[in-house]
Amino acid sequence: MDERLRFVARLLEGEKMAPLCREFGISRVTGHKLYNRFRECGLEAFKDRSRRPYRHANKLPYQIERTIIGLKNEHPSWGAPKIRDKLIRAFPMIKPPATSTVHAVLDRHGLVKRRKRRRYKAQGTELTAAQEVNGLWCADFKGEFMLGNRQYCYPLTITDYRSRYLFACEGLASVRSEFAFSVFERVFKEYGLPGAIRTDNGAPFASGNALFGLSKLAVWWLRLGIRIQRIKPGNPQQNGRHERMHLTLKREATKPASFNFLQQQERFDRFVEVYNSQRPHQALGGAYPWS
C-alpha cells in the first residue's frame, strides 16, 4: 500500500507516467489502473482486492437453491435424489442440478444429519507364553529409517519367543501386506509353522476397516492354523523380548544407514548371523525341530 500511495502521490505532483512506471518496475497499464482506481475510490484503491471471480458459470441459481431448501422443509424425510426428481418434474425447462449439488445445498444449510463414523478401536488379546520352541513367534516392523539414496526402509523382524532365535530381518520398501507375505512364506518353508504369532495392531498385521480387525495376512495365518496374539495399544512391553532385540538391531545395523536396499540387507544378514550365535537358545536342550 505504501508503494502505491507514493506512486499516485508523485503522479499528482506532476511527474510523468512513463518514467515513473519504469522507476517503480510496473507497466503503464498497471500505472493507469492504479491512478484511475484512486480517482474512483480514494484511499481504498490502495488495498488488495479479492481475486474471487464476480460470476461463476456453474453456480446454482439462487431461486433453485431456495426451492431445494423449501422442498426439504416441506418433506424432512426426503433426500437429495427425491428432491432432484421433484425439481425435474416441476421445472422441466431448466438444466437439473446433480444429486451431489442438491446434497451440498442441504448440507450447507444444516439440513443433513451427518453420520458419525464408527472408528475401530484396536484391542489386545489374551497373551500366553510358550514353553517350547515354535510355540510362539513374535513379529514386528522396526521403525522406518532413511537410506542414503533417500528411500525409506522398513525392517520386518521375526523371532521365536522361547529361544529368542531371530528367523528373519528383511528390509522392505513398505509395510504393505504383499511384501510381508513373501517374507513369512519363506520363513514358514524353512522353519515350519508356529503355534501362534504375537504382533501389535498395526499394518499389515491388523486392519482397522476389516471385520474383527483381521487383515489379509492375519486371515492367512488363521487358515494355516496359527493362533493370533495382539498386544494392547501403547504397551510395547508385552512384546518386550522382541523390542529388546530391536534396540540391538538399531544400534548395530542401522546407524549409519547404508546407501541402498541391497547394501542394507547385507548388514541385516550379518546381524542375524551374529545375533543368533550369541543367543541362549543353545542351552534349551538339543536340536530344534526344524534342524
Protein backbone atom coordinates (compact mmCIF):
# COMPACT_ATOMS: atom_id res chain seq x y z
CA MET A 1 0.00 0.00 0.00
CA ASP A 2 2.84 2.41 0.77
CA GLU A 3 4.37 1.89 -2.68
CA ARG A 4 1.04 2.51 -4.39
CA LEU A 5 0.45 5.61 -2.29
CA ARG A 6 3.87 7.05 -3.18
CA PHE A 7 3.31 6.25 -6.85
CA VAL A 8 -0.02 8.10 -7.02
CA ALA A 9 1.28 10.97 -4.89
CA ARG A 10 4.13 11.63 -7.31
CA LEU A 11 1.68 11.48 -10.22
CA LEU A 12 -0.44 14.13 -8.51
CA GLU A 13 2.67 16.27 -8.07
CA GLY A 14 3.01 16.38 -11.86
CA GLU A 15 5.52 13.67 -12.71
CA LYS A 16 5.12 11.78 -16.00
CA MET A 17 3.55 8.34 -16.09
CA ALA A 18 6.13 6.50 -18.27
CA PRO A 19 9.33 7.30 -16.33
CA LEU A 20 7.53 6.82 -13.04
CA CYS A 21 6.34 3.36 -14.05
CA ARG A 22 9.90 2.39 -15.08
CA GLU A 23 11.19 3.54 -11.69
CA PHE A 24 8.60 1.51 -9.79
CA GLY A 25 9.01 -1.53 -12.04
CA ILE A 26 5.42 -1.72 -13.30
CA SER A 27 3.78 -1.44 -16.70
CA ARG A 28 1.96 1.70 -17.83
CA VAL A 29 -1.27 -0.29 -17.94
CA THR A 30 -0.88 -1.05 -14.23
CA GLY A 31 0.06 2.56 -13.51
CA HIS A 32 -3.05 3.92 -15.24
CA LYS A 33 -5.17 1.30 -13.44
CA LEU A 34 -3.89 2.45 -10.03
CA TYR A 35 -4.41 6.09 -10.87
CA ASN A 36 -7.95 5.60 -12.21
CA ARG A 37 -8.86 3.44 -9.25
CA PHE A 38 -7.64 6.16 -6.89
CA ARG A 39 -9.81 8.73 -8.65
CA GLU A 40 -12.85 6.47 -8.24
CA CYS A 41 -12.34 5.05 -4.73
CA GLY A 42 -9.86 7.27 -2.93
CA LEU A 43 -7.54 5.63 -0.41
CA GLU A 44 -9.50 2.36 -0.63
CA ALA A 45 -7.91 1.88 -4.06
CA PHE A 46 -4.56 1.01 -2.46
CA LYS A 47 -5.87 -2.06 -0.61
CA ASP A 48 -5.58 -5.55 -2.13
CA ARG A 49 -8.80 -6.68 -3.77
CA SER A 50 -10.21 -10.18 -3.73
CA ARG A 51 -9.32 -12.29 -6.75
CA ARG A 52 -12.57 -14.18 -6.49
CA PRO A 53 -14.47 -14.04 -9.80
CA TYR A 54 -17.62 -11.93 -9.94
CA ARG A 55 -19.58 -14.71 -11.62
CA HIS A 56 -19.29 -18.48 -11.80
CA ALA A 57 -20.60 -20.25 -14.87
CA ASN A 58 -21.70 -23.34 -12.96
CA LYS A 59 -23.09 -21.63 -9.88
CA LEU A 60 -26.56 -22.80 -8.92
CA PRO A 61 -29.17 -20.02 -9.39
CA TYR A 62 -30.42 -18.51 -6.16
CA GLN A 63 -34.04 -19.36 -7.00
CA ILE A 64 -33.25 -23.06 -7.46
CA GLU A 65 -31.35 -23.16 -4.18
CA ARG A 66 -34.30 -21.61 -2.32
CA THR A 67 -36.63 -24.15 -3.96
CA ILE A 68 -34.43 -27.03 -2.78
CA ILE A 69 -34.48 -25.69 0.78
CA GLY A 70 -38.26 -25.21 0.61
CA LEU A 71 -38.84 -28.78 -0.55
CA LYS A 72 -36.66 -30.11 2.24
CA ASN A 73 -38.56 -28.09 4.83
CA GLU A 74 -41.88 -29.40 3.45
CA HIS A 75 -40.64 -33.00 3.33
CA PRO A 76 -37.95 -33.50 6.01
CA SER A 77 -37.61 -37.20 5.17
CA TRP A 78 -36.69 -36.57 1.53
CA GLY A 79 -33.10 -36.92 0.44
CA ALA A 80 -31.18 -35.36 -2.42
CA PRO A 81 -32.29 -37.89 -5.12
CA LYS A 82 -36.02 -37.43 -4.40
CA ILE A 83 -35.71 -33.63 -4.24
CA ARG A 84 -33.89 -33.64 -7.57
CA ASP A 85 -36.67 -35.71 -9.18
CA LYS A 86 -39.21 -33.21 -7.87
CA LEU A 87 -37.22 -30.33 -9.41
CA ILE A 88 -37.10 -32.08 -12.79
CA ARG A 89 -40.88 -32.53 -12.83
CA ALA A 90 -41.63 -29.02 -11.55
CA PHE A 91 -39.10 -27.17 -13.75
CA PRO A 92 -38.53 -29.19 -16.95
CA MET A 93 -37.24 -26.13 -18.78
CA ILE A 94 -34.05 -25.78 -16.67
CA LYS A 95 -30.99 -27.98 -16.53
CA PRO A 96 -31.40 -30.09 -13.38
CA PRO A 97 -28.58 -29.94 -10.81
CA ALA A 98 -26.65 -33.07 -9.96
CA THR A 99 -27.64 -35.10 -6.94
CA SER A 100 -24.36 -34.19 -5.28
CA THR A 101 -25.14 -30.49 -5.81
CA VAL A 102 -28.54 -30.87 -4.17
CA HIS A 103 -26.92 -32.66 -1.25
CA ALA A 104 -24.27 -29.92 -0.96
CA VAL A 105 -27.02 -27.27 -0.74
CA LEU A 106 -28.79 -29.20 2.01
CA ASP A 107 -25.53 -29.74 3.86
CA ARG A 108 -24.57 -26.07 3.57
CA HIS A 109 -27.81 -25.05 5.28
CA GLY A 110 -27.58 -27.65 8.02
CA LEU A 111 -30.44 -29.81 6.70
CA VAL A 112 -28.43 -33.04 6.55
CA LYS A 113 -27.59 -35.18 9.55
CA ARG A 114 -24.03 -36.42 9.38
CA ARG A 115 -23.44 -39.98 10.43
CA LYS A 116 -20.71 -40.48 12.94
CA ARG A 117 -18.13 -42.85 11.62
CA ARG A 118 -17.54 -45.81 13.84
CA ARG A 119 -13.85 -45.87 14.40
CA TYR A 120 -12.15 -49.17 15.01
CA LYS A 121 -10.56 -49.29 18.42
CA ALA A 122 -7.67 -51.67 18.49
CA GLN A 123 -7.69 -54.07 21.40
CA GLY A 124 -5.26 -56.61 22.66
CA THR A 125 -5.93 -60.32 23.05
CA GLU A 126 -5.12 -62.77 25.78
CA LEU A 127 -1.39 -63.41 25.80
CA THR A 128 0.06 -66.79 26.66
CA ALA A 129 3.72 -67.70 26.84
CA ALA A 130 5.22 -70.72 25.10
CA GLN A 131 7.31 -73.36 26.84
CA GLU A 132 8.69 -74.91 23.67
CA VAL A 133 10.32 -73.60 20.53
CA ASN A 134 7.96 -72.82 17.65
CA GLY A 135 5.11 -72.48 20.14
CA LEU A 136 5.00 -68.70 19.77
CA TRP A 137 6.66 -66.32 17.35
CA CYS A 138 6.93 -62.54 17.66
CA ALA A 139 6.84 -60.28 14.62
CA ASP A 140 7.05 -56.54 14.18
CA PHE A 141 8.34 -53.74 11.98
CA LYS A 142 11.22 -51.87 13.49
CA GLY A 143 10.73 -48.13 12.98
CA GLU A 144 11.46 -46.97 9.45
CA PHE A 145 14.66 -45.10 8.62
CA MET A 146 16.03 -43.40 5.51
CA LEU A 147 18.76 -44.93 3.40
CA GLY A 148 21.49 -42.97 1.69
CA ASN A 149 19.52 -42.85 -1.58
CA ARG A 150 16.62 -41.08 0.21
CA GLN A 151 14.39 -44.18 0.25
CA TYR A 152 12.75 -45.41 3.43
CA CYS A 153 13.50 -48.88 4.74
CA TYR A 154 11.03 -50.85 6.91
CA PRO A 155 12.77 -53.81 8.60
CA LEU A 156 10.42 -56.76 9.28
CA THR A 157 11.72 -58.97 12.08
CA ILE A 158 10.50 -62.41 13.24
CA THR A 159 11.76 -64.16 16.38
CA ASP A 160 10.93 -67.23 18.43
CA TYR A 161 9.52 -66.31 21.85
CA ARG A 162 11.09 -69.19 23.78
CA SER A 163 14.57 -69.30 22.29
CA ARG A 164 14.74 -65.69 21.01
CA TYR A 165 16.10 -67.10 17.77
CA LEU A 166 15.95 -64.47 15.02
CA PHE A 167 14.37 -66.07 11.96
CA ALA A 168 14.40 -63.07 9.64
CA CYS A 169 15.29 -59.42 9.40
CA GLU A 170 14.17 -58.18 5.98
CA GLY A 171 14.45 -54.59 4.81
CA LEU A 172 11.22 -53.82 2.93
CA ALA A 173 10.16 -50.78 0.94
CA SER A 174 6.72 -50.64 2.55
CA VAL A 175 4.56 -52.18 5.29
CA ARG A 176 2.06 -53.41 2.68
CA SER A 177 0.90 -56.99 3.13
CA GLU A 178 2.27 -58.09 -0.28
CA PHE A 179 5.83 -57.63 0.98
CA ALA A 180 5.17 -59.31 4.33
CA PHE A 181 3.53 -62.33 2.65
CA SER A 182 6.74 -63.25 0.82
CA VAL A 183 8.85 -62.98 3.98
CA PHE A 184 6.55 -65.16 6.11
CA GLU A 185 6.12 -67.69 3.31
CA ARG A 186 9.88 -68.16 3.09
CA VAL A 187 10.28 -68.42 6.87
CA PHE A 188 7.41 -70.94 7.15
CA LYS A 189 9.01 -73.16 4.49
CA GLU A 190 12.37 -73.04 6.23
CA TYR A 191 11.38 -73.34 9.91
CA GLY A 192 7.83 -74.72 9.91
CA LEU A 193 4.61 -73.25 11.27
CA PRO A 194 4.38 -71.77 14.78
CA GLY A 195 1.52 -72.38 17.17
CA ALA A 196 0.84 -68.64 17.48
CA ILE A 197 2.21 -65.30 16.35
CA ARG A 198 2.29 -62.20 18.56
CA THR A 199 2.18 -58.77 16.91
CA ASP A 200 0.91 -55.26 17.52
CA ASN A 201 -2.26 -53.82 15.97
CA GLY A 202 -0.55 -52.00 13.11
CA ALA A 203 -0.46 -52.77 9.40
CA PRO A 204 -0.15 -55.31 7.89
CA PHE A 205 -0.86 -57.46 10.96
CA ALA A 206 -4.26 -55.87 11.62
CA SER A 207 -6.74 -53.71 9.72
CA GLY A 208 -8.97 -51.06 11.26
CA ASN A 209 -11.51 -51.34 8.43
CA ALA A 210 -11.98 -55.11 8.44
CA LEU A 211 -14.18 -57.46 10.46
CA PHE A 212 -12.60 -58.08 13.87
CA GLY A 213 -9.60 -56.10 12.63
CA LEU A 214 -8.36 -59.04 10.58
CA SER A 215 -6.01 -58.14 7.75
CA LYS A 216 -5.24 -60.35 4.75
CA LEU A 217 -2.09 -61.51 6.48
CA ALA A 218 -3.97 -62.42 9.67
CA VAL A 219 -6.63 -64.35 7.73
CA TRP A 220 -3.88 -66.32 6.01
CA TRP A 221 -2.36 -67.22 9.36
CA LEU A 222 -5.71 -68.40 10.69
CA ARG A 223 -6.24 -70.60 7.64
CA LEU A 224 -2.84 -72.18 8.33
CA GLY A 225 -3.98 -72.99 11.87
CA ILE A 226 -1.85 -70.30 13.54
CA ARG A 227 -3.37 -68.51 16.54
CA ILE A 228 -3.09 -64.72 16.70
CA GLN A 229 -1.94 -62.80 19.75
CA ARG A 230 -2.04 -59.00 19.78
CA ILE A 231 -0.55 -56.74 22.37
CA LYS A 232 -2.58 -53.85 23.77
CA PRO A 233 -2.05 -50.47 22.03
CA GLY A 234 0.60 -48.46 23.79
CA ASN A 235 2.01 -51.47 25.65
CA PRO A 236 5.17 -52.50 23.77
CA GLN A 237 6.46 -54.14 26.98
CA GLN A 238 4.06 -57.01 26.25
CA ASN A 239 6.43 -57.84 23.42
CA GLY A 240 9.48 -56.93 25.45
CA ARG A 241 11.86 -59.65 24.22
CA HIS A 242 11.28 -58.63 20.63
CA GLU A 243 11.63 -54.91 21.40
CA ARG A 244 14.92 -55.57 23.18
CA MET A 245 16.22 -57.21 20.02
CA HIS A 246 15.10 -54.12 18.06
CA LEU A 247 17.23 -51.94 20.32
CA THR A 248 20.29 -54.01 19.45
CA LEU A 249 19.35 -54.04 15.76
CA LYS A 250 19.04 -50.27 15.67
CA ARG A 251 22.43 -49.79 17.29
CA GLU A 252 24.32 -52.41 15.29
CA ALA A 253 22.82 -52.37 11.79
CA THR A 254 21.09 -49.06 11.06
CA LYS A 255 23.48 -46.35 12.25
CA PRO A 256 24.70 -45.13 9.90
CA ALA A 257 22.33 -46.40 7.24
CA SER A 258 23.62 -47.97 4.04
CA PHE A 259 23.16 -46.37 0.63
CA ASN A 260 20.58 -48.76 -0.88
CA PHE A 261 18.43 -51.79 -0.02
CA LEU A 262 20.98 -54.34 -1.23
CA GLN A 263 23.76 -52.99 0.95
CA GLN A 264 21.43 -52.59 3.93
CA GLN A 265 20.16 -56.17 3.59
CA GLU A 266 23.73 -57.45 3.67
CA ARG A 267 24.15 -55.69 7.02
CA PHE A 268 20.88 -57.23 8.27
CA ASP A 269 22.03 -60.70 7.24
CA ARG A 270 25.32 -60.27 9.11
CA PHE A 271 23.41 -59.04 12.14
CA VAL A 272 21.14 -62.12 12.10
CA GLU A 273 24.15 -64.44 11.93
CA VAL A 274 25.98 -62.72 14.79
CA TYR A 275 22.86 -62.29 16.91
CA ASN A 276 21.86 -65.95 16.68
CA SER A 277 25.38 -67.09 17.54
CA GLN A 278 25.23 -65.14 20.82
CA ARG A 279 21.67 -66.01 21.98
CA PRO A 280 20.92 -68.54 24.78
CA HIS A 281 18.88 -70.88 22.55
CA GLN A 282 21.79 -73.31 22.54
CA ALA A 283 21.03 -74.10 26.18
CA LEU A 284 17.46 -75.25 25.54
CA GLY A 285 18.49 -78.84 25.30
CA GLY A 286 19.38 -80.17 21.89
CA ALA A 287 18.40 -79.52 18.33
CA TYR A 288 15.46 -77.56 17.07
CA PRO A 289 12.51 -79.27 15.41
CA TRP A 290 13.46 -77.70 12.11
CA SER A 291 17.14 -78.67 12.19
